[in-house]
C-alpha atoms as a PDB file:
ATOM      1  CA  MET A   1    -196.141-119.085  96.944  1.00  0.00           C
ATOM      2  CA  GLY A   2    -197.962-117.626  93.930  1.00  0.00           C
ATOM      3  CA  ASP A   3    -196.731-115.019  91.437  1.00  0.00           C
ATOM      4  CA  LYS A   4    -198.949-112.369  93.012  1.00  0.00           C
ATOM      5  CA  SER A   5    -197.277-112.579  96.396  1.00  0.00           C
ATOM      6  CA  LEU A   6    -193.877-112.741  94.747  1.00  0.00           C
ATOM      7  CA  LEU A   7    -194.517-109.572  92.733  1.00  0.00           C
ATOM      8  CA  THR A   8    -195.926-107.758  95.751  1.00  0.00           C
ATOM      9  CA  GLY A   9    -192.966-108.793  97.885  1.00  0.00           C
ATOM     10  CA  LEU A  10    -190.493-107.727  95.222  1.00  0.00           C
ATOM     11  CA  LEU A  11    -191.878-104.319  94.389  1.00  0.00           C
ATOM     12  CA  SER A  12    -193.762-103.022  97.422  1.00  0.00           C
ATOM     13  CA  PRO A  13    -193.224-105.096 100.566  1.00  0.00           C
ATOM     14  CA  LYS A  14    -194.055-102.137 102.821  1.00  0.00           C
ATOM     15  CA  LEU A  15    -197.636-102.022 101.539  1.00  0.00           C
ATOM     16  CA  LYS A  16    -198.557-105.184 103.465  1.00  0.00           C
ATOM     17  CA  ILE A  17    -200.038-103.470 106.512  1.00  0.00           C
ATOM     18  CA  ASP A  18    -203.474-103.267 108.037  1.00  0.00           C
ATOM     19  CA  GLN A  19    -205.862-101.570 105.576  1.00  0.00           C
ATOM     20  CA  LYS A  20    -207.542 -99.656 108.450  1.00  0.00           C
ATOM     21  CA  ASP A  21    -204.383 -97.603 108.976  1.00  0.00           C
ATOM     22  CA  VAL A  22    -203.807 -96.866 105.294  1.00  0.00           C
ATOM     23  CA  PRO A  23    -205.165 -93.664 103.723  1.00  0.00           C
ATOM     24  CA  LYS A  24    -207.205 -94.046 100.564  1.00  0.00           C
ATOM     25  CA  ARG A  25    -204.478 -92.603  98.351  1.00  0.00           C
ATOM     26  CA  LYS A  26    -201.132 -94.315  98.856  1.00  0.00           C
ATOM     27  CA  ARG A  27    -198.016 -92.236  98.425  1.00  0.00           C
ATOM     28  CA  PHE A  28    -194.770 -93.852  97.352  1.00  0.00           C
ATOM     29  CA  ARG A  29    -191.666 -92.224  98.780  1.00  0.00           C
ATOM     30  CA  ARG A  30    -188.303 -92.166  97.024  1.00  0.00           C
ATOM     31  CA  CYS A  31    -186.208 -95.225  97.701  1.00  0.00           C
ATOM     32  CA  LYS A  32    -183.421 -94.666 100.206  1.00  0.00           C
ATOM     33  CA  SER A  33    -180.954 -96.286  97.798  1.00  0.00           C
ATOM     34  CA  ASP A  34    -181.645 -93.653  95.123  1.00  0.00           C
ATOM     35  CA  PRO A  35    -178.197 -92.306  94.163  1.00  0.00           C
ATOM     36  CA  LEU A  36    -179.624 -88.784  94.007  1.00  0.00           C
ATOM     37  CA  PHE A  37    -180.061 -88.716  97.778  1.00  0.00           C
ATOM     38  CA  GLU A  38    -177.723 -91.412  98.945  1.00  0.00           C
ATOM     39  CA  TYR A  39    -174.566 -89.539  98.078  1.00  0.00           C
ATOM     40  CA  ILE A  40    -173.762 -85.938  97.212  1.00  0.00           C
ATOM     41  CA  PRO A  41    -170.252 -85.467  95.785  1.00  0.00           C
ATOM     42  CA  GLY A  42    -167.845 -83.258  97.652  1.00  0.00           C
ATOM     43  CA  GLU A  43    -167.577 -80.840  94.751  1.00  0.00           C
ATOM     44  CA  ILE A  44    -171.332 -80.106  94.985  1.00  0.00           C
ATOM     45  CA  SER A  45    -171.904 -80.217  98.732  1.00  0.00           C
ATOM     46  CA  GLY A  46    -168.903 -77.968  99.306  1.00  0.00           C
ATOM     47  CA  ILE A  47    -167.084 -80.554 101.422  1.00  0.00           C
ATOM     48  CA  ASN A  48    -163.621 -81.523 100.301  1.00  0.00           C
ATOM     49  CA  GLU A  49    -163.202 -85.253 100.926  1.00  0.00           C
ATOM     50  CA  ALA A  50    -159.441 -84.895 101.024  1.00  0.00           C
ATOM     51  CA  GLN A  51    -159.803 -82.405 103.881  1.00  0.00           C
ATOM     52  CA  SER A  52    -162.280 -84.541 105.801  1.00  0.00           C
ATOM     53  CA  ASN A  53    -160.001 -87.579 105.598  1.00  0.00           C
ATOM     54  CA  PRO A  54    -156.431 -86.316 105.207  1.00  0.00           C
ATOM     55  CA  ARG A  55    -153.762 -88.832 104.329  1.00  0.00           C
ATOM     56  CA  THR A  56    -150.553 -88.910 102.330  1.00  0.00           C
ATOM     57  CA  GLU A  57    -151.216 -89.831  98.706  1.00  0.00           C
ATOM     58  CA  SER A  58    -149.119 -89.955  95.573  1.00  0.00           C
ATOM     59  CA  PHE A  59    -150.054 -88.068  92.397  1.00  0.00           C
ATOM     60  CA  LEU A  60    -151.529 -91.223  90.824  1.00  0.00           C
ATOM     61  CA  ASP A  61    -153.497 -92.072  93.982  1.00  0.00           C
ATOM     62  CA  LYS A  62    -155.311 -88.732  93.758  1.00  0.00           C
ATOM     63  CA  MET A  63    -156.501 -89.493  90.223  1.00  0.00           C
ATOM     64  CA  HIS A  64    -159.797 -91.088  89.287  1.00  0.00           C
ATOM     65  CA  PRO A  65    -159.269 -94.857  88.604  1.00  0.00           C
ATOM     66  CA  HIS A  66    -160.195 -94.493  84.906  1.00  0.00           C
ATOM     67  CA  PHE A  67    -157.865 -91.542  84.441  1.00  0.00           C
ATOM     68  CA  ARG A  68    -155.076 -93.289  86.325  1.00  0.00           C
ATOM     69  CA  ARG A  69    -155.298 -96.296  83.993  1.00  0.00           C
ATOM     70  CA  VAL A  70    -155.273 -93.964  80.990  1.00  0.00           C
ATOM     71  CA  VAL A  71    -152.051 -92.292  82.161  1.00  0.00           C
ATOM     72  CA  ILE A  72    -150.346 -95.621  82.858  1.00  0.00           C
ATOM     73  CA  TYR A  73    -151.347 -97.264  79.549  1.00  0.00           C
ATOM     74  CA  LEU A  74    -150.499 -94.164  77.516  1.00  0.00           C
ATOM     75  CA  PHE A  75    -147.094 -93.936  79.170  1.00  0.00           C
ATOM     76  CA  LEU A  76    -146.391 -97.620  78.508  1.00  0.00           C
ATOM     77  CA  TYR A  77    -147.522 -97.281  74.877  1.00  0.00           C
ATOM     78  CA  LEU A  78    -145.409 -94.190  74.189  1.00  0.00           C
ATOM     79  CA  ALA A  79    -142.386 -95.541  76.073  1.00  0.00           C
ATOM     80  CA  THR A  80    -142.465 -98.844  74.166  1.00  0.00           C
ATOM     81  CA  GLY A  81    -143.081 -97.123  70.833  1.00  0.00           C
ATOM     82  CA  THR A  82    -140.374 -94.534  71.380  1.00  0.00           C
ATOM     83  CA  ILE A  83    -137.783 -97.188  72.224  1.00  0.00           C
ATOM     84  CA  CYS A  84    -138.750 -99.358  69.248  1.00  0.00           C
ATOM     85  CA  PHE A  85    -138.817 -96.569  66.677  1.00  0.00           C
ATOM     86  CA  TYR A  86    -135.668 -94.971  68.079  1.00  0.00           C
ATOM     87  CA  PHE A  87    -133.627 -98.116  67.457  1.00  0.00           C
ATOM     88  CA  VAL A  88    -134.990 -98.448  63.911  1.00  0.00           C
ATOM     89  CA  GLY A  89    -134.726 -94.726  63.235  1.00  0.00           C
ATOM     90  CA  ASN A  90    -132.322 -95.306  60.336  1.00  0.00           C
ATOM     91  CA  GLN A  91    -135.105 -97.321  58.646  1.00  0.00           C
ATOM     92  CA  ILE A  92    -137.557 -94.414  58.822  1.00  0.00           C
ATOM     93  CA  LYS A  93    -137.206 -91.777  56.144  1.00  0.00           C
ATOM     94  CA  GLY A  94    -138.420 -88.191  56.136  1.00  0.00           C
ATOM     95  CA  GLU A  95    -137.807 -84.851  57.850  1.00  0.00           C
ATOM     96  CA  LYS A  96    -135.957 -85.573  61.112  1.00  0.00           C
ATOM     97  CA  VAL A  97    -135.049 -83.103  63.859  1.00  0.00           C
ATOM     98  CA  ASP A  98    -134.174 -85.257  66.892  1.00  0.00           C
ATOM     99  CA  GLY A  99    -134.039 -89.040  67.411  1.00  0.00           C
ATOM    100  CA  VAL A 100    -136.121 -89.378  70.583  1.00  0.00           C
ATOM    101  CA  LEU A 101    -138.484 -86.524  69.728  1.00  0.00           C
ATOM    102  CA  ASP A 102    -139.085 -87.927  66.241  1.00  0.00           C
ATOM    103  CA  SER A 103    -139.867 -91.338  67.736  1.00  0.00           C
ATOM    104  CA  VAL A 104    -142.485 -89.929  70.146  1.00  0.00           C
ATOM    105  CA  TYR A 105    -143.917 -87.731  67.381  1.00  0.00           C
ATOM    106  CA  PHE A 106    -144.133 -90.736  65.040  1.00  0.00           C
ATOM    107  CA  CYS A 107    -145.982 -92.717  67.756  1.00  0.00           C
ATOM    108  CA  ILE A 108    -148.552 -89.938  68.204  1.00  0.00           C
ATOM    109  CA  VAL A 109    -149.088 -89.462  64.467  1.00  0.00           C
ATOM    110  CA  THR A 110    -149.477 -93.231  64.096  1.00  0.00           C
ATOM    111  CA  MET A 111    -151.849 -93.904  66.995  1.00  0.00           C
ATOM    112  CA  THR A 112    -154.143 -90.994  66.053  1.00  0.00           C
ATOM    113  CA  THR A 113    -154.094 -92.136  62.375  1.00  0.00           C
ATOM    114  CA  VAL A 114    -153.105 -88.611  61.257  1.00  0.00           C
ATOM    115  CA  GLY A 115    -150.266 -90.012  59.152  1.00  0.00           C
ATOM    116  CA  TYR A 116    -148.787 -86.835  57.646  1.00  0.00           C
ATOM    117  CA  GLY A 117    -146.224 -88.734  55.624  1.00  0.00           C
ATOM    118  CA  ASP A 118    -143.349 -86.528  56.818  1.00  0.00           C
ATOM    119  CA  LEU A 119    -141.938 -89.626  58.568  1.00  0.00           C
ATOM    120  CA  VAL A 120    -142.593 -93.023  56.942  1.00  0.00           C
ATOM    121  CA  PRO A 121    -141.318 -96.587  57.492  1.00  0.00           C
ATOM    122  CA  ASP A 122    -138.730 -97.577  54.882  1.00  0.00           C
ATOM    123  CA  SER A 123    -138.231-101.310  55.540  1.00  0.00           C
ATOM    124  CA  ALA A 124    -140.322-104.438  55.980  1.00  0.00           C
ATOM    125  CA  ALA A 125    -139.561-104.545  59.734  1.00  0.00           C
ATOM    126  CA  THR A 126    -140.565-100.921  60.399  1.00  0.00           C
ATOM    127  CA  LYS A 127    -143.711-101.295  58.277  1.00  0.00           C
ATOM    128  CA  LEU A 128    -144.813-104.322  60.309  1.00  0.00           C
ATOM    129  CA  LEU A 129    -143.944-102.480  63.524  1.00  0.00           C
ATOM    130  CA  ALA A 130    -146.013 -99.487  62.413  1.00  0.00           C
ATOM    131  CA  CYS A 131    -148.964-101.788  61.645  1.00  0.00           C
ATOM    132  CA  ALA A 132    -148.816-103.229  65.152  1.00  0.00           C
ATOM    133  CA  PHE A 133    -148.633 -99.800  66.770  1.00  0.00           C
ATOM    134  CA  VAL A 134    -151.426 -98.254  64.711  1.00  0.00           C
ATOM    135  CA  PHE A 135    -153.898-100.977  65.743  1.00  0.00           C
ATOM    136  CA  SER A 136    -152.831-100.973  69.387  1.00  0.00           C
ATOM    137  CA  GLY A 137    -152.895 -97.158  69.401  1.00  0.00           C
ATOM    138  CA  MET A 138    -156.423 -97.013  67.977  1.00  0.00           C
ATOM    139  CA  ALA A 139    -157.556 -99.557  70.567  1.00  0.00           C
ATOM    140  CA  LEU A 140    -155.971 -97.454  73.324  1.00  0.00           C
ATOM    141  CA  ILE A 141    -157.768 -94.322  72.108  1.00  0.00           C
ATOM    142  CA  GLY A 142    -161.085 -96.103  71.682  1.00  0.00           C
ATOM    143  CA  LEU A 143    -161.092 -98.002  74.967  1.00  0.00           C
ATOM    144  CA  MET A 144    -159.087 -95.900  77.382  1.00  0.00           C
ATOM    145  CA  LEU A 145    -158.393 -92.342  76.276  1.00  0.00           C
ATOM    146  CA  SER A 146    -162.043 -91.643  75.438  1.00  0.00           C
ATOM    147  CA  LYS A 147    -162.991 -92.676  79.004  1.00  0.00           C
ATOM    148  CA  GLY A 148    -160.380 -90.343  80.389  1.00  0.00           C
ATOM    149  CA  ALA A 149    -161.646 -87.481  78.226  1.00  0.00           C
ATOM    150  CA  ASP A 150    -165.217 -88.230  79.282  1.00  0.00           C
ATOM    151  CA  TYR A 151    -164.169 -88.100  82.928  1.00  0.00           C
ATOM    152  CA  LEU A 152    -162.486 -84.710  82.477  1.00  0.00           C
ATOM    153  CA  VAL A 153    -165.557 -83.316  80.702  1.00  0.00           C
ATOM    154  CA  GLU A 154    -167.835 -84.539  83.494  1.00  0.00           C
ATOM    155  CA  LYS A 155    -165.624 -82.754  86.035  1.00  0.00           C
ATOM    156  CA  GLN A 156    -166.363 -79.469  84.222  1.00  0.00           C
ATOM    157  CA  GLU A 157    -170.135 -80.009  84.053  1.00  0.00           C
ATOM    158  CA  LEU A 158    -170.654 -78.655  87.564  1.00  0.00           C
ATOM    159  CA  LEU A 159    -168.818 -75.411  86.737  1.00  0.00           C
ATOM    160  CA  LEU A 160    -170.861 -74.952  83.559  1.00  0.00           C
ATOM    161  CA  ILE A 161    -174.182 -75.513  85.347  1.00  0.00           C
ATOM    162  CA  GLU A 162    -173.234 -73.054  88.088  1.00  0.00           C
ATOM    163  CA  ALA A 163    -172.214 -70.496  85.433  1.00  0.00           C
ATOM    164  CA  LEU A 164    -175.476 -70.901  83.487  1.00  0.00           C
ATOM    165  CA  HIS A 165    -177.513 -70.543  86.702  1.00  0.00           C
ATOM    166  CA  LEU A 166    -175.330 -67.883  88.269  1.00  0.00           C
ATOM    167  CA  ARG A 167    -178.292 -65.776  89.438  1.00  0.00           C
ATOM    168  CA  GLN A 168    -180.163 -68.766  90.804  1.00  0.00           C
ATOM    169  CA  LYS A 169    -179.040 -70.411  94.006  1.00  0.00           C
ATOM    170  CA  LEU A 170    -179.407 -74.114  93.251  1.00  0.00           C
ATOM    171  CA  SER A 171    -179.208 -76.703  96.002  1.00  0.00           C
ATOM    172  CA  PRO A 172    -176.882 -79.717  95.586  1.00  0.00           C
ATOM    173  CA  THR A 173    -179.912 -81.887  94.771  1.00  0.00           C
ATOM    174  CA  GLU A 174    -181.104 -79.465  92.082  1.00  0.00           C
ATOM    175  CA  ILE A 175    -177.629 -79.344  90.538  1.00  0.00           C
ATOM    176  CA  LEU A 176    -177.464 -83.146  90.397  1.00  0.00           C
ATOM    177  CA  LYS A 177    -180.918 -83.289  88.822  1.00  0.00           C
ATOM    178  CA  GLU A 178    -179.942 -80.685  86.215  1.00  0.00           C
ATOM    179  CA  MET A 179    -176.768 -82.621  85.413  1.00  0.00           C
ATOM    180  CA  GLU A 180    -178.713 -85.845  85.017  1.00  0.00           C
ATOM    181  CA  ASP A 181    -181.474 -84.319  82.865  1.00  0.00           C
ATOM    182  CA  ASN A 182    -179.135 -82.538  80.434  1.00  0.00           C
ATOM    183  CA  LYS A 183    -175.931 -84.536  80.790  1.00  0.00           C
ATOM    184  CA  ALA A 184    -175.231 -85.047  77.070  1.00  0.00           C
ATOM    185  CA  ARG A 185    -176.089 -81.445  76.159  1.00  0.00           C
ATOM    186  CA  TYR A 186    -173.677 -79.995  78.725  1.00  0.00           C
ATOM    187  CA  LYS A 187    -170.966 -82.377  77.544  1.00  0.00           C
ATOM    188  CA  CYS A 188    -171.486 -81.070  74.011  1.00  0.00           C
ATOM    189  CA  TYR A 189    -171.104 -77.457  75.146  1.00  0.00           C
ATOM    190  CA  ILE A 190    -167.896 -78.161  77.063  1.00  0.00           C
ATOM    191  CA  THR A 191    -166.308 -80.287  74.329  1.00  0.00           C
ATOM    192  CA  LEU A 192    -167.246 -77.812  71.588  1.00  0.00           C
ATOM    193  CA  ALA A 193    -165.714 -74.947  73.570  1.00  0.00           C
ATOM    194  CA  LEU A 194    -162.523 -76.977  74.113  1.00  0.00           C
ATOM    195  CA  LEU A 195    -162.351 -77.865  70.406  1.00  0.00           C
ATOM    196  CA  VAL A 196    -162.668 -74.208  69.382  1.00  0.00           C
ATOM    197  CA  VAL A 197    -159.840 -73.294  71.788  1.00  0.00           C
ATOM    198  CA  LEU A 198    -157.640 -76.081  70.391  1.00  0.00           C
ATOM    199  CA  ILE A 199    -158.297 -74.961  66.806  1.00  0.00           C
ATOM    200  CA  LEU A 200    -157.391 -71.360  67.644  1.00  0.00           C
ATOM    201  CA  VAL A 201    -154.269 -72.358  69.592  1.00  0.00           C
ATOM    202  CA  GLY A 202    -153.120 -74.702  66.810  1.00  0.00           C
ATOM    203  CA  THR A 203    -153.712 -72.114  64.110  1.00  0.00           C
ATOM    204  CA  VAL A 204    -151.816 -69.393  65.992  1.00  0.00           C
ATOM    205  CA  PHE A 205    -148.926 -71.765  66.777  1.00  0.00           C
ATOM    206  CA  LEU A 206    -148.525 -72.926  63.170  1.00  0.00           C
ATOM    207  CA  ALA A 207    -148.654 -69.347  61.950  1.00  0.00           C
ATOM    208  CA  THR A 208    -146.062 -68.052  64.427  1.00  0.00           C
ATOM    209  CA  ILE A 209    -143.692 -71.005  64.969  1.00  0.00           C
ATOM    210  CA  GLU A 210    -144.000 -72.984  61.731  1.00  0.00           C
ATOM    211  CA  LYS A 211    -144.238 -69.751  59.708  1.00  0.00           C
ATOM    212  CA  LEU A 212    -147.364 -70.770  57.756  1.00  0.00           C
ATOM    213  CA  ASP A 213    -149.815 -68.161  56.544  1.00  0.00           C
ATOM    214  CA  ILE A 214    -153.120 -68.066  58.408  1.00  0.00           C
ATOM    215  CA  ILE A 215    -155.063 -70.004  55.762  1.00  0.00           C
ATOM    216  CA  ASP A 216    -152.454 -72.780  55.538  1.00  0.00           C
ATOM    217  CA  ALA A 217    -152.266 -72.925  59.339  1.00  0.00           C
ATOM    218  CA  PHE A 218    -156.039 -73.309  59.662  1.00  0.00           C
ATOM    219  CA  TYR A 219    -156.012 -75.862  56.813  1.00  0.00           C
ATOM    220  CA  CYS A 220    -153.314 -77.897  58.586  1.00  0.00           C
ATOM    221  CA  VAL A 221    -155.252 -77.757  61.863  1.00  0.00           C
ATOM    222  CA  CYS A 222    -158.447 -79.013  60.247  1.00  0.00           C
ATOM    223  CA  SER A 223    -156.701 -81.792  58.310  1.00  0.00           C
ATOM    224  CA  THR A 224    -154.962 -82.870  61.526  1.00  0.00           C
ATOM    225  CA  ILE A 225    -157.821 -83.004  64.036  1.00  0.00           C
ATOM    226  CA  THR A 226    -160.033 -84.800  61.474  1.00  0.00           C
ATOM    227  CA  THR A 227    -157.093 -87.239  60.929  1.00  0.00           C
ATOM    228  CA  LEU A 228    -157.056 -86.562  57.175  1.00  0.00           C
ATOM    229  CA  GLY A 229    -153.352 -85.731  57.346  1.00  0.00           C
ATOM    230  CA  TYR A 230    -152.801 -84.760  53.721  1.00  0.00           C
ATOM    231  CA  GLY A 231    -149.116 -84.255  54.493  1.00  0.00           C
ATOM    232  CA  ASP A 232    -148.470 -81.124  52.434  1.00  0.00           C
ATOM    233  CA  LYS A 233    -148.472 -79.108  55.687  1.00  0.00           C
ATOM    234  CA  SER A 234    -147.172 -80.479  58.969  1.00  0.00           C
ATOM    235  CA  PHE A 235    -144.910 -79.787  61.968  1.00  0.00           C
ATOM    236  CA  SER A 236    -141.296 -79.642  60.814  1.00  0.00           C
ATOM    237  CA  THR A 237    -139.473 -77.758  63.588  1.00  0.00           C
ATOM    238  CA  LYS A 238    -138.290 -79.097  66.935  1.00  0.00           C
ATOM    239  CA  ALA A 239    -140.609 -76.787  68.900  1.00  0.00           C
ATOM    240  CA  GLY A 240    -143.445 -77.646  66.538  1.00  0.00           C
ATOM    241  CA  ARG A 241    -143.113 -81.383  67.127  1.00  0.00           C
ATOM    242  CA  VAL A 242    -142.981 -80.961  70.894  1.00  0.00           C
ATOM    243  CA  PHE A 243    -146.223 -78.998  70.652  1.00  0.00           C
ATOM    244  CA  ALA A 244    -147.710 -81.522  68.200  1.00  0.00           C
ATOM    245  CA  ILE A 245    -147.180 -84.439  70.603  1.00  0.00           C
ATOM    246  CA  PHE A 246    -149.703 -82.940  73.036  1.00  0.00           C
ATOM    247  CA  TRP A 247    -151.901 -80.973  70.643  1.00  0.00           C
ATOM    248  CA  ILE A 248    -152.564 -83.739  68.081  1.00  0.00           C
ATOM    249  CA  LEU A 249    -153.570 -86.245  70.755  1.00  0.00           C
ATOM    250  CA  THR A 250    -155.829 -83.749  72.520  1.00  0.00           C
ATOM    251  CA  GLY A 251    -157.383 -82.366  69.329  1.00  0.00           C
ATOM    252  CA  THR A 252    -158.246 -85.681  67.679  1.00  0.00           C
ATOM    253  CA  ILE A 253    -159.745 -87.129  70.876  1.00  0.00           C
ATOM    254  CA  THR A 254    -161.758 -83.952  71.534  1.00  0.00           C
ATOM    255  CA  LEU A 255    -163.306 -84.043  68.053  1.00  0.00           C
ATOM    256  CA  ALA A 256    -164.124 -87.752  68.399  1.00  0.00           C
ATOM    257  CA  GLN A 257    -165.745 -87.118  71.788  1.00  0.00           C
ATOM    258  CA  LEU A 258    -167.774 -84.218  70.393  1.00  0.00           C
ATOM    259  CA  LEU A 259    -169.206 -86.424  67.637  1.00  0.00           C
ATOM    260  CA  CYS A 260    -170.070 -89.087  70.231  1.00  0.00           C
ATOM    261  CA  TYR A 261    -171.815 -86.515  72.435  1.00  0.00           C
ATOM    262  CA  ILE A 262    -173.808 -85.153  69.476  1.00  0.00           C
ATOM    263  CA  ALA A 263    -175.044 -88.682  68.768  1.00  0.00           C
ATOM    264  CA  GLU A 264    -175.802 -89.065  72.488  1.00  0.00           C
ATOM    265  CA  VAL A 265    -177.854 -85.836  72.498  1.00  0.00           C
ATOM    266  CA  ASN A 266    -179.819 -87.060  69.494  1.00  0.00           C
ATOM    267  CA  THR A 267    -180.544 -90.372  71.224  1.00  0.00           C
ATOM    268  CA  GLU A 268    -181.461 -88.579  74.463  1.00  0.00           C
ATOM    269  CA  ASN A 269    -183.915 -86.300  72.636  1.00  0.00           C
ATOM    270  CA  ARG A 270    -185.596 -89.287  70.977  1.00  0.00           C
ATOM    271  CA  GLN A 271    -185.852 -91.004  74.361  1.00  0.00           C
ATOM    272  CA  LYS A 272    -187.440 -87.902  75.946  1.00  0.00           C
ATOM    273  CA  LYS A 273    -189.991 -87.704  73.131  1.00  0.00           C
ATOM    274  CA  LEU A 274    -190.850 -91.380  73.653  1.00  0.00           C
ATOM    275  CA  VAL A 275    -191.246 -90.856  77.412  1.00  0.00           C
ATOM    276  CA  LYS A 276    -193.509 -87.850  76.816  1.00  0.00           C
ATOM    277  CA  TRP A 277    -195.649 -89.838  74.355  1.00  0.00           C
ATOM    278  CA  VAL A 278    -195.962 -92.765  76.789  1.00  0.00           C
ATOM    279  CA  LEU A 279    -196.965 -90.510  79.683  1.00  0.00           C
ATOM    280  CA  ASN A 280    -199.549 -88.599  77.628  1.00  0.00           C
ATOM    281  CA  ARG A 281    -201.095 -91.640  75.963  1.00  0.00           C
ATOM    282  CA  ARG A 282    -204.434 -92.836  77.359  1.00  0.00           C
ATOM    283  CA  MET A 283    -204.561 -96.306  78.870  1.00  0.00           C
ATOM    284  CA  THR A 284    -206.824 -98.767  77.007  1.00  0.00           C
ATOM    285  CA  ASN A 285    -208.290-102.121  77.996  1.00  0.00           C
ATOM    286  CA  VAL A 286    -205.585-103.783  75.921  1.00  0.00           C
ATOM    287  CA  ASP A 287    -202.923-101.926  77.929  1.00  0.00           C
ATOM    288  CA  LEU A 288    -204.671-102.865  81.161  1.00  0.00           C
ATOM    289  CA  LYS A 289    -204.559-106.532  80.248  1.00  0.00           C
ATOM    290  CA  ALA A 290    -200.911-106.327  79.177  1.00  0.00           C
ATOM    291  CA  ALA A 291    -199.958-104.569  82.426  1.00  0.00           C
ATOM    292  CA  ASP A 292    -201.708-107.179  84.595  1.00  0.00           C
ATOM    293  CA  ILE A 293    -198.627-109.320  85.262  1.00  0.00           C
ATOM    294  CA  ASP A 294    -200.256-111.680  87.789  1.00  0.00           C
ATOM    295  CA  ASP A 295    -203.525-112.043  85.781  1.00  0.00           C
ATOM    296  CA  ASP A 296    -205.817-111.130  88.698  1.00  0.00           C
ATOM    297  CA  GLY A 297    -207.818-108.602  86.665  1.00  0.00           C
ATOM    298  CA  ILE A 298    -206.463-105.671  88.670  1.00  0.00           C
ATOM    299  CA  VAL A 299    -203.387-103.551  87.907  1.00  0.00           C
ATOM    300  CA  GLY A 300    -201.560-102.313  90.988  1.00  0.00           C
ATOM    301  CA  ALA A 301    -199.174 -99.372  91.188  1.00  0.00           C
ATOM    302  CA  ALA A 302    -196.125-101.623  90.858  1.00  0.00           C
ATOM    303  CA  GLU A 303    -197.533-103.356  87.767  1.00  0.00           C
ATOM    304  CA  PHE A 304    -198.448 -99.993  86.224  1.00  0.00           C
ATOM    305  CA  VAL A 305    -194.930 -98.620  86.774  1.00  0.00           C
ATOM    306  CA  ILE A 306    -193.325-101.724  85.270  1.00  0.00           C
ATOM    307  CA  TYR A 307    -195.590-101.576  82.215  1.00  0.00           C
ATOM    308  CA  LYS A 308    -194.847 -97.882  81.608  1.00  0.00           C
ATOM    309  CA  LEU A 309    -191.100 -98.427  82.028  1.00  0.00           C
ATOM    310  CA  LYS A 310    -191.279-101.223  79.464  1.00  0.00           C
ATOM    311  CA  GLU A 311    -193.105 -98.929  77.051  1.00  0.00           C
ATOM    312  CA  MET A 312    -190.421 -96.269  77.513  1.00  0.00           C
ATOM    313  CA  GLY A 313    -187.747 -98.819  76.671  1.00  0.00           C
ATOM    314  CA  LYS A 314    -186.037 -98.404  80.047  1.00  0.00           C
ATOM    315  CA  ILE A 315    -186.476-102.066  80.993  1.00  0.00           C
ATOM    316  CA  ASN A 316    -187.500-105.237  79.167  1.00  0.00           C
ATOM    317  CA  GLN A 317    -189.030-108.570  80.085  1.00  0.00           C
ATOM    318  CA  GLU A 318    -185.611-110.186  80.357  1.00  0.00           C
ATOM    319  CA  ASP A 319    -184.589-107.640  83.007  1.00  0.00           C
ATOM    320  CA  ILE A 320    -187.765-108.331  84.988  1.00  0.00           C
ATOM    321  CA  SER A 321    -187.297-112.106  84.766  1.00  0.00           C
ATOM    322  CA  THR A 322    -183.704-111.809  85.941  1.00  0.00           C
ATOM    323  CA  LEU A 323    -184.720-109.696  88.944  1.00  0.00           C
ATOM    324  CA  LEU A 324    -187.561-112.048  89.852  1.00  0.00           C
ATOM    325  CA  GLU A 325    -185.158-114.987  89.684  1.00  0.00           C
ATOM    326  CA  GLU A 326    -182.754-113.172  92.002  1.00  0.00           C
ATOM    327  CA  PHE A 327    -185.636-112.400  94.359  1.00  0.00           C
ATOM    328  CA  GLU A 328    -186.658-116.076  94.449  1.00  0.00           C
ATOM    329  CA  ASN A 329    -183.086-117.062  95.309  1.00  0.00           C
ATOM    330  CA  LEU A 330    -183.010-114.582  98.191  1.00  0.00           C
ATOM    331  CA  ASP A 331    -186.518-115.468  99.417  1.00  0.00           C
ATOM    332  CA  VAL A 332    -185.381-118.623 101.211  1.00  0.00           C
ATOM    333  CA  ASP A 333    -188.569-119.105 103.270  1.00  0.00           C
ATOM    334  CA  GLN A 334    -190.780-118.582 100.160  1.00  0.00           C
ATOM    335  CA  SER A 335    -192.899-115.983 101.970  1.00  0.00           C
ATOM    336  CA  GLY A 336    -192.989-113.574  99.046  1.00  0.00           C
ATOM    337  CA  THR A 337    -191.098-110.940 101.056  1.00  0.00           C
ATOM    338  CA  LEU A 338    -187.452-110.362 101.985  1.00  0.00           C
ATOM    339  CA  SER A 339    -186.247-110.037 105.543  1.00  0.00           C
ATOM    340  CA  THR A 340    -182.946-109.994 107.387  1.00  0.00           C
ATOM    341  CA  CYS A 341    -183.465-113.665 108.106  1.00  0.00           C
ATOM    342  CA  ASP A 342    -183.802-114.413 104.373  1.00  0.00           C
ATOM    343  CA  LEU A 343    -180.563-112.617 103.586  1.00  0.00           C
ATOM    344  CA  THR A 344    -178.728-114.466 106.368  1.00  0.00           C
ATOM    345  CA  LEU A 345    -180.065-117.840 105.219  1.00  0.00           C
ATOM    346  CA  SER A 346    -179.301-117.120 101.541  1.00  0.00           C
ATOM    347  CA  GLN A 347    -175.632-116.617 102.412  1.00  0.00           C
ATOM    348  CA  LEU A 348    -175.548-120.017 104.075  1.00  0.00           C
ATOM    349  CA  VAL A 349    -177.137-121.909 101.191  1.00  0.00           C
END
């Protein structure tokens, strides 16, 4: 079967009906598989999935898969690091307050690359051990913890959107659309607010517990969350190091996520400008020829959509070729359309 029938079967199989029954202007309805309409999360629709399908679950089972993996890997990393550094504690010099606490604190300072210098390896073995843990810790933060932080931020997006549109009663579909259109921007707002809170909490804690003046406390906070870690100011008390274990990890990851979201917003804005330019640009004969995939001299709706999506950078020719190849594999009877029979036969081949 020719390319024309293949393209028509792939992109608009429902258009193959008697022309007498078709109105002059064809209207394309939203695909049923569109995620915007296929599924509305429980948090938006007001239905609690746990209530609709009650069953006994552990604490980890209730977590999102990404977040669950983050908790498990972080626990394994800190447990292994604490045990290792505890047994070589006599080969680590610096200000010590408690063996186990110092080991956990040293793991956190190492994996976040803060490196105050208040605790430092003092032998060849501990130096090599620290090298191994700093690389594995950075990998854990980059690959796992950032995903967990992203998940937590996304969970707060709904609350932010509802707060910003408090006087407007948005439907679940409108909320999802708003989240999708301004996803990166809302993430920036949430992360920036969290970072400000962490800076204030850290500054107040250092000033009250570590007895630093307000300028030194703020200076220590900034040098910590940016991972500069000059080392002239750090956490030296037992209470301070307990606080630092949670605060340093949260603060450094929050700042890293904020910088990623700012870059994402910049990319999103450039993409929106490109889309606007593509939609407002007049079609020329050159564009018409380029959009005519099956070379029949006529550009159909499906061909027009594909051409515009390619211009916007949302798809490329490789994506189209891959999808056409998949279609050909599923189209067992080579009719140019897919049916239940084709799908059944394709599973047997």
